[in-house]
Amino acid sequence: MIPFFLWVKDEPRREKIGNAVSKGLSELVTTLRNLPQRRSLALYLLSSMFYRDALIGLYAFGGIYASGVLEWSIVQIGIFGIVAAITGAIFCYIGGFVDQAIGPKKVIAISVSVLILVSILIVGLSRDAIFGIAVAPDSTLPDSLFIFAGACIGAAGGVLQASSRTFLVDQADPERMTEAFGLYALTGKASAFLAPTLIAVFTSLSGSQRLGVSPVIGLFAIGLILLFWVRSAEEYR
């Protein structure tokens, strides 16, 4: 942050902090009241709330799943994380060009669809079977498939987060862009408990860590369905 504080210029303000906070809160209340009138933005915030929460669930429980279901060591889990980080960086760069070419809404839909398929793959994996088809006890196929799943989560997850911010710019009022990003952050935090709670409940009810991850599929699906009713700027033209 040192370069930011040294070289990013900021115009001085003379208004008192208390007055600025009061004014900001008042404008926020007005925006929340008017949000139902901005149907596309409201639906997008709701859609992103669900699929971002599902993504957080995958990030948070990936290592736990690998340890509990596939019996991975800490070294294997570390490699899994590194693979996901590398593919995330590479595909975020590629995704920027795709975003420019076809628009952020389509990129989000593709990314969420990939994550749904990956989540289904994860639920179907175990140490001794793949979608109910038995494998040899010493088979490395479940491990290879889970590393592939991690690569896809890193790639699609990184692109999804980047294009989600791009699409917010498309949806928001240019005069109130900072406020829109604040609402975006608020909706993300408001439901942060959802995926972990559902995973805990499903794990407890099923008695299986593998099946316990299945709620993220539903959260991704809800986000994708709501996204279809969100209209981009190009669709308005």
Foldseek 3Di string as FASTA:
>chain_A
DVCCVVPPDDDDDDDDPVVVVVVVVVVLVVCVVCVVVLVQLVLLLVLCLLLVLLLVLCVVCLLVLCCPFQVDDPVLSVVLQVLLQVLLVVLLVVLVVVCVVPNLLVLLLVLLVLLLVLLVQQLQAGQQGGVNHGDDNPDCVSVVSSSVSSSSSSNSVSSNVVSSLVQLVQSDDPVCSVSSVVSSVVSNVVCNVPQVVQLVVQCVVVVDNSRSSVVSSVSSVSSSVSSVPNDGPVNVD
